[in-house]
Amino acid sequence: MHDSITLDQLRTFIAVADEGSFSAAARKLRRVQSAVSHAMANLEGQLGVVLWDRSTRIPALTEQGRVLLDAARRVCADADALSSAAQRLAGGLDPLVSLCVDAVFPLSALVDLCVEFARVYPTVELVVHTESMAAVADRVLDGTCQLGVVGPAAPAQGLERRHLTSVRMVPVAARSHPLAAAQQSAARLATEQLREHVQIVLSERGAARSPEQAVLSPRTWRVVDLQTKRELLCAGLGWGNLPEHMIRDDLGAGRLVRLRPDAWGDDEHLLALALVHRPGLVMGPAGQWVLKRLVELCCQHVGRPEAPR
């Protein structure tokens, strides 16, 4: 019967195929050759197919044997993965760590986190989502993600929240945009000037639920990701806010020009990011490592955490 097939038989089958002969497999497995031959004969009887062509001096895989060899490798690999997962769980290591970050979170910090995580915890699965506004909190509240990095507009109900860092949002327009020329001849731009031009605004996917923030113009274009917003701004199609860390090169190269609205102070657009999770969340070593490194990487890529006023 097929259900009496053992992993030892399958590993022996794989060893014979890899080593090229029964005798070589016996040496690798530290067994007598007759034990290997007996294991192969039993496996063939249980499977009901001939795995080896024994008409030559050195047995060769039959067509059926080649097909079943691939299946045997998959079964043994799955068994090894099962054993490894059980050992990790028995040792208290997280089987998986899931994280959702707001779109304004520095991508460079997120990439560094993933690179380091792969090196420190190569056997732990990491799941990363990127969302905007309230959608990040939703991922945590519904259990899709264990951890979230949210902005101030995200709902706080039902989540534990800890300040992580603050991202400076900078109002900008393309060098070719009329507001860029107006900014060169004025210390501040009046709200009336800004209202005359399209403001490109980041919105949530689906029905908008977060309150509007930093919208001055009645004329808006709405996008659901920051990269699209940046491209539209660089194309001169409007003005809007972007994270400073995202546009340093654009500002330095003159593709984008910093605007100074009269309605906003220079420090008014510090967007506070917080780390959130559901109450009572218990994380193993890998999850605790992510919590610690998130804070450290934010300091490196954004600056020291500045608590919201």
Protein backbone atom coordinates (compact mmCIF):
# COMPACT_ATOMS: atom_id res chain seq x y z
CA MET A 1 0.00 0.00 0.00
CA HIS A 2 1.21 3.50 -0.82
CA ASP A 3 0.58 4.78 2.71
CA SER A 4 3.36 2.54 4.07
CA ILE A 5 6.02 4.33 2.02
CA THR A 6 8.61 5.90 4.32
CA LEU A 7 10.77 9.00 4.04
CA ASP A 8 13.79 6.74 4.41
CA GLN A 9 12.81 4.89 1.23
CA LEU A 10 12.37 8.15 -0.65
CA ARG A 11 15.70 9.52 0.58
CA THR A 12 17.37 6.28 -0.50
CA PHE A 13 15.73 6.59 -3.92
CA ILE A 14 17.06 10.16 -4.24
CA ALA A 15 20.54 9.10 -3.07
CA VAL A 16 20.76 6.39 -5.74
CA ALA A 17 19.71 8.84 -8.44
CA ASP A 18 22.13 11.53 -7.25
CA GLU A 19 25.12 9.21 -6.73
CA GLY A 20 24.59 7.26 -9.97
CA SER A 21 24.57 3.71 -8.63
CA PHE A 22 23.35 1.52 -5.79
CA SER A 23 26.89 1.00 -4.52
CA ALA A 24 27.70 4.72 -4.46
CA ALA A 25 24.43 5.44 -2.65
CA ALA A 26 25.25 2.73 -0.12
CA ARG A 27 28.59 4.38 0.61
CA LYS A 28 26.96 7.79 1.03
CA LEU A 29 24.27 6.40 3.33
CA ARG A 30 26.79 4.16 5.15
CA ARG A 31 24.80 1.03 4.45
CA VAL A 32 25.52 -2.25 2.75
CA GLN A 33 24.55 -2.36 -0.91
CA SER A 34 22.05 -5.15 -0.34
CA ALA A 35 20.08 -2.88 2.04
CA VAL A 36 19.83 -0.20 -0.66
CA SER A 37 18.77 -2.76 -3.29
CA HIS A 38 16.17 -4.16 -0.91
CA ALA A 39 14.78 -0.68 -0.15
CA MET A 40 14.42 0.06 -3.88
CA ALA A 41 12.71 -3.26 -4.57
CA ASN A 42 10.24 -2.64 -1.73
CA LEU A 43 9.53 0.90 -2.97
CA GLU A 44 8.85 -0.36 -6.48
CA GLY A 45 6.49 -2.99 -5.10
CA GLN A 46 4.61 -0.46 -3.00
CA LEU A 47 4.31 2.05 -5.85
CA GLY A 48 3.45 -0.59 -8.43
CA VAL A 49 5.92 0.80 -10.99
CA VAL A 50 9.46 -0.03 -12.08
CA LEU A 51 11.81 2.76 -11.05
CA TRP A 52 15.07 1.28 -12.29
CA ASP A 53 16.08 -0.42 -15.54
CA ARG A 54 18.34 -3.24 -14.35
CA SER A 55 19.14 -4.62 -17.81
CA THR A 56 22.49 -2.81 -17.82
CA ARG A 57 25.47 -3.12 -15.47
CA ILE A 58 24.54 0.15 -13.78
CA PRO A 59 20.77 0.53 -13.21
CA ALA A 60 19.23 3.56 -14.92
CA LEU A 61 16.04 5.43 -14.12
CA THR A 62 13.00 4.47 -16.15
CA GLU A 63 10.66 7.14 -17.52
CA GLN A 64 8.31 6.50 -14.59
CA GLY A 65 11.29 6.70 -12.24
CA ARG A 66 12.28 10.14 -13.52
CA VAL A 67 8.75 11.45 -12.96
CA LEU A 68 8.52 10.00 -9.46
CA LEU A 69 12.01 11.21 -8.55
CA ASP A 70 10.80 14.82 -8.83
CA ALA A 71 7.80 13.95 -6.65
CA ALA A 72 10.08 12.28 -4.09
CA ARG A 73 12.25 15.38 -3.90
CA ARG A 74 9.19 17.55 -3.25
CA VAL A 75 7.92 15.23 -0.51
CA CYS A 76 11.30 15.19 1.25
CA ALA A 77 11.67 18.97 0.92
CA ASP A 78 8.20 19.46 2.43
CA ALA A 79 9.06 17.09 5.26
CA ASP A 80 12.27 19.00 5.96
CA ALA A 81 10.35 22.29 5.95
CA LEU A 82 7.79 20.84 8.36
CA SER A 83 10.52 19.66 10.71
CA SER A 84 12.30 23.02 10.54
CA ALA A 85 9.07 24.93 11.23
CA ALA A 86 8.31 22.71 14.22
CA GLN A 87 11.77 23.32 15.65
CA ARG A 88 11.36 27.09 15.26
CA LEU A 89 7.97 27.03 16.95
CA ALA A 90 9.25 24.85 19.77
CA GLY A 91 12.06 27.37 20.30
CA GLY A 92 9.64 30.32 20.43
CA LEU A 93 10.62 31.82 17.05
CA ASP A 94 7.87 33.55 15.10
CA PRO A 95 6.69 31.56 12.07
CA LEU A 96 5.77 34.85 10.35
CA VAL A 97 6.04 38.61 10.87
CA SER A 98 3.61 40.89 9.01
CA LEU A 99 3.92 44.66 8.66
CA CYS A 100 1.93 47.39 6.90
CA VAL A 101 3.45 50.84 6.45
CA ASP A 102 1.99 54.15 5.35
CA ALA A 103 3.08 55.32 1.90
CA VAL A 104 5.01 58.25 3.41
CA PHE A 105 7.32 55.87 5.31
CA PRO A 106 10.83 56.07 3.77
CA LEU A 107 11.22 53.28 1.22
CA SER A 108 14.97 53.16 1.85
CA ALA A 109 14.34 52.36 5.53
CA LEU A 110 11.84 49.65 4.58
CA VAL A 111 14.29 48.04 2.15
CA ASP A 112 17.08 48.11 4.76
CA LEU A 113 14.73 46.47 7.25
CA CYS A 114 13.92 43.66 4.81
CA VAL A 115 17.57 43.09 3.87
CA GLU A 116 18.65 42.85 7.51
CA PHE A 117 15.66 40.67 8.43
CA ALA A 118 16.53 38.17 5.68
CA ARG A 119 20.05 37.92 7.06
CA VAL A 120 19.13 37.65 10.76
CA TYR A 121 16.00 35.48 10.42
CA PRO A 122 16.33 33.61 7.10
CA THR A 123 13.73 30.99 8.05
CA VAL A 124 10.98 33.41 9.14
CA GLU A 125 8.46 34.60 6.55
CA LEU A 126 8.12 38.38 6.26
CA VAL A 127 4.96 39.94 4.81
CA VAL A 128 5.04 43.65 3.93
CA HIS A 129 2.11 45.79 2.75
CA THR A 130 2.08 49.47 1.78
CA GLU A 131 -1.16 51.44 2.12
CA SER A 132 -2.30 55.02 2.64
CA MET A 133 -4.06 56.70 5.55
CA ALA A 134 -6.74 54.66 7.34
CA ALA A 135 -6.09 51.56 5.21
CA VAL A 136 -2.95 50.84 7.26
CA ALA A 137 -4.91 50.70 10.51
CA ASP A 138 -7.54 48.55 8.80
CA ARG A 139 -4.89 45.95 7.94
CA VAL A 140 -3.92 45.73 11.61
CA LEU A 141 -7.46 45.81 12.98
CA ASP A 142 -8.64 42.97 10.73
CA GLY A 143 -5.62 40.82 11.59
CA THR A 144 -4.02 40.92 8.14
CA CYS A 145 -0.89 42.47 9.65
CA GLN A 146 0.53 42.34 13.16
CA LEU A 147 2.23 45.74 13.02
CA GLY A 148 1.43 49.00 11.28
CA VAL A 149 3.12 52.34 10.74
CA VAL A 150 0.36 54.94 10.49
CA GLY A 151 -0.02 58.67 10.04
CA PRO A 152 -2.02 60.99 12.33
CA ALA A 153 -5.23 60.63 10.29
CA ALA A 154 -5.46 56.88 10.93
CA PRO A 155 -8.09 55.80 13.48
CA ALA A 156 -6.67 55.01 16.91
CA GLN A 157 -9.63 53.08 18.30
CA GLY A 158 -8.79 49.50 19.18
CA LEU A 159 -5.04 49.89 18.67
CA GLU A 160 -2.07 50.53 20.91
CA ARG A 161 -0.05 53.43 19.49
CA ARG A 162 3.54 54.57 20.00
CA HIS A 163 5.18 57.57 18.32
CA LEU A 164 7.85 56.45 15.87
CA THR A 165 9.13 59.47 13.96
CA SER A 166 8.02 62.58 12.09
CA VAL A 167 8.27 63.05 8.34
CA ARG A 168 8.54 66.56 6.92
CA MET A 169 6.01 67.16 4.15
CA VAL A 170 7.12 69.80 1.64
CA PRO A 171 4.79 71.75 -0.69
CA VAL A 172 6.32 71.75 -4.17
CA ALA A 173 5.68 72.47 -7.83
CA ALA A 174 7.65 71.85 -11.00
CA ARG A 175 10.16 74.50 -12.05
CA SER A 176 7.94 75.22 -15.07
CA HIS A 177 4.80 75.75 -12.97
CA PRO A 178 3.51 79.34 -12.49
CA LEU A 179 3.69 78.97 -8.70
CA ALA A 180 7.44 78.30 -8.91
CA ALA A 181 7.94 81.62 -10.67
CA ALA A 182 5.67 83.36 -8.16
CA GLN A 183 7.67 81.90 -5.26
CA GLN A 184 10.91 83.38 -6.61
CA SER A 185 9.54 86.90 -6.27
CA ALA A 186 7.82 86.48 -2.89
CA ALA A 187 8.75 85.28 0.57
CA ARG A 188 5.34 83.64 0.96
CA LEU A 189 2.54 82.59 -1.38
CA ALA A 190 -0.94 83.82 -0.56
CA THR A 191 -3.71 81.27 -0.25
CA GLU A 192 -5.54 83.04 -3.09
CA GLN A 193 -2.61 82.28 -5.40
CA LEU A 194 -2.61 78.59 -4.47
CA ARG A 195 -6.37 78.31 -4.92
CA GLU A 196 -6.00 79.29 -8.58
CA HIS A 197 -4.09 76.10 -9.38
CA VAL A 198 -4.77 72.37 -9.22
CA GLN A 199 -3.60 70.75 -5.99
CA ILE A 200 -2.65 67.08 -6.35
CA VAL A 201 -3.85 65.22 -3.27
CA LEU A 202 -3.19 61.71 -1.95
CA SER A 203 -6.43 59.84 -1.29
CA GLU A 204 -7.38 56.43 0.02
CA ARG A 205 -8.38 53.60 -2.24
CA GLY A 206 -12.14 53.24 -2.35
CA ALA A 207 -14.38 55.51 -0.32
CA ALA A 208 -12.46 58.26 1.44
CA ARG A 209 -12.77 58.07 5.22
CA SER A 210 -9.86 60.05 6.59
CA PRO A 211 -10.42 63.77 7.16
CA GLU A 212 -8.93 66.09 4.55
CA GLN A 213 -5.54 67.48 5.52
CA ALA A 214 -3.52 70.31 3.99
CA VAL A 215 -5.97 70.92 1.13
CA LEU A 216 -6.06 74.62 0.22
CA SER A 217 -7.31 74.60 -3.36
CA PRO A 218 -10.89 73.86 -4.45
CA ARG A 219 -9.40 72.38 -7.63
CA THR A 220 -7.93 68.95 -6.85
CA TRP A 221 -6.65 65.90 -8.65
CA ARG A 222 -6.59 62.78 -6.49
CA VAL A 223 -4.16 59.87 -6.65
CA VAL A 224 -3.72 56.79 -4.48
CA ASP A 225 0.07 56.48 -4.42
CA LEU A 226 2.93 58.89 -3.84
CA GLN A 227 5.00 57.90 -6.86
CA THR A 228 2.16 58.84 -9.20
CA LYS A 229 1.76 62.11 -7.31
CA ARG A 230 5.47 62.86 -7.67
CA GLU A 231 5.42 62.17 -11.42
CA LEU A 232 2.41 64.43 -11.95
CA LEU A 233 4.03 67.21 -9.94
CA CYS A 234 7.29 66.89 -11.88
CA ALA A 235 5.24 67.12 -15.09
CA GLY A 236 3.92 70.52 -13.97
CA LEU A 237 0.29 69.42 -13.65
CA GLY A 238 -0.27 70.94 -10.23
CA TRP A 239 1.22 71.57 -6.83
CA GLY A 240 1.15 69.48 -3.67
CA ASN A 241 2.95 68.05 -0.65
CA LEU A 242 5.51 65.24 -0.76
CA PRO A 243 7.78 63.73 1.91
CA GLU A 244 11.08 65.60 2.02
CA HIS A 245 13.10 62.37 1.99
CA MET A 246 11.39 61.36 -1.27
CA ILE A 247 12.25 64.52 -3.23
CA ARG A 248 15.70 65.57 -2.01
CA ASP A 249 17.20 64.76 -5.41
CA ASP A 250 14.37 66.53 -7.25
CA LEU A 251 14.88 69.67 -5.16
CA GLY A 252 18.64 69.53 -5.59
CA ALA A 253 18.36 69.10 -9.37
CA GLY A 254 15.74 71.84 -9.69
CA ARG A 255 13.03 69.57 -11.05
CA LEU A 256 10.83 70.62 -8.15
CA VAL A 257 10.73 73.96 -6.31
CA ARG A 258 9.82 74.34 -2.66
CA LEU A 259 6.74 76.50 -2.07
CA ARG A 260 6.11 78.52 1.09
CA PRO A 261 2.35 79.03 1.56
CA ASP A 262 1.43 81.94 3.80
CA ALA A 263 -1.15 79.69 5.49
CA TRP A 264 1.49 77.26 6.74
CA GLY A 265 4.50 77.72 8.96
CA ASP A 266 7.79 76.03 8.11
CA ASP A 267 7.35 73.44 10.87
CA GLU A 268 3.62 72.96 10.44
CA HIS A 269 4.00 70.06 8.04
CA LEU A 270 5.70 67.53 10.28
CA LEU A 271 3.65 64.37 9.76
CA ALA A 272 3.82 62.17 12.85
CA LEU A 273 4.16 58.44 12.20
CA ALA A 274 3.23 55.95 14.90
CA LEU A 275 3.74 52.23 15.37
CA VAL A 276 0.44 50.45 16.08
CA HIS A 277 -0.68 46.95 16.97
CA ARG A 278 -3.67 45.29 18.53
CA PRO A 279 -3.77 45.15 22.35
CA GLY A 280 -2.20 42.07 23.87
CA LEU A 281 -0.05 41.26 20.84
CA VAL A 282 2.68 38.79 21.77
CA MET A 283 5.62 38.58 19.39
CA GLY A 284 8.61 36.27 19.37
CA PRO A 285 12.25 37.23 18.83
CA ALA A 286 11.79 38.09 15.13
CA GLY A 287 8.84 40.39 15.79
CA GLN A 288 10.63 42.09 18.67
CA TRP A 289 13.63 42.61 16.39
CA VAL A 290 11.41 44.33 13.80
CA LEU A 291 9.99 46.65 16.47
CA LYS A 292 13.47 47.68 17.60
CA ARG A 293 14.96 48.08 14.12
CA LEU A 294 12.04 50.18 12.88
CA VAL A 295 12.88 52.83 15.46
CA GLU A 296 16.61 52.69 14.72
CA LEU A 297 16.18 52.84 10.94
CA CYS A 298 13.81 55.79 11.23
CA CYS A 299 16.52 57.67 13.11
CA GLN A 300 19.02 56.87 10.35
CA HIS A 301 16.80 57.70 7.36
CA VAL A 302 14.58 60.48 8.75
CA GLY A 303 16.23 61.77 11.90
CA ARG A 304 15.68 61.51 15.62
CA PRO A 305 12.02 60.95 16.52
CA GLU A 306 10.29 64.26 17.14
CA ALA A 307 7.19 63.83 19.24
CA PRO A 308 4.07 65.57 17.97
CA ARG A 309 3.30 68.88 19.64
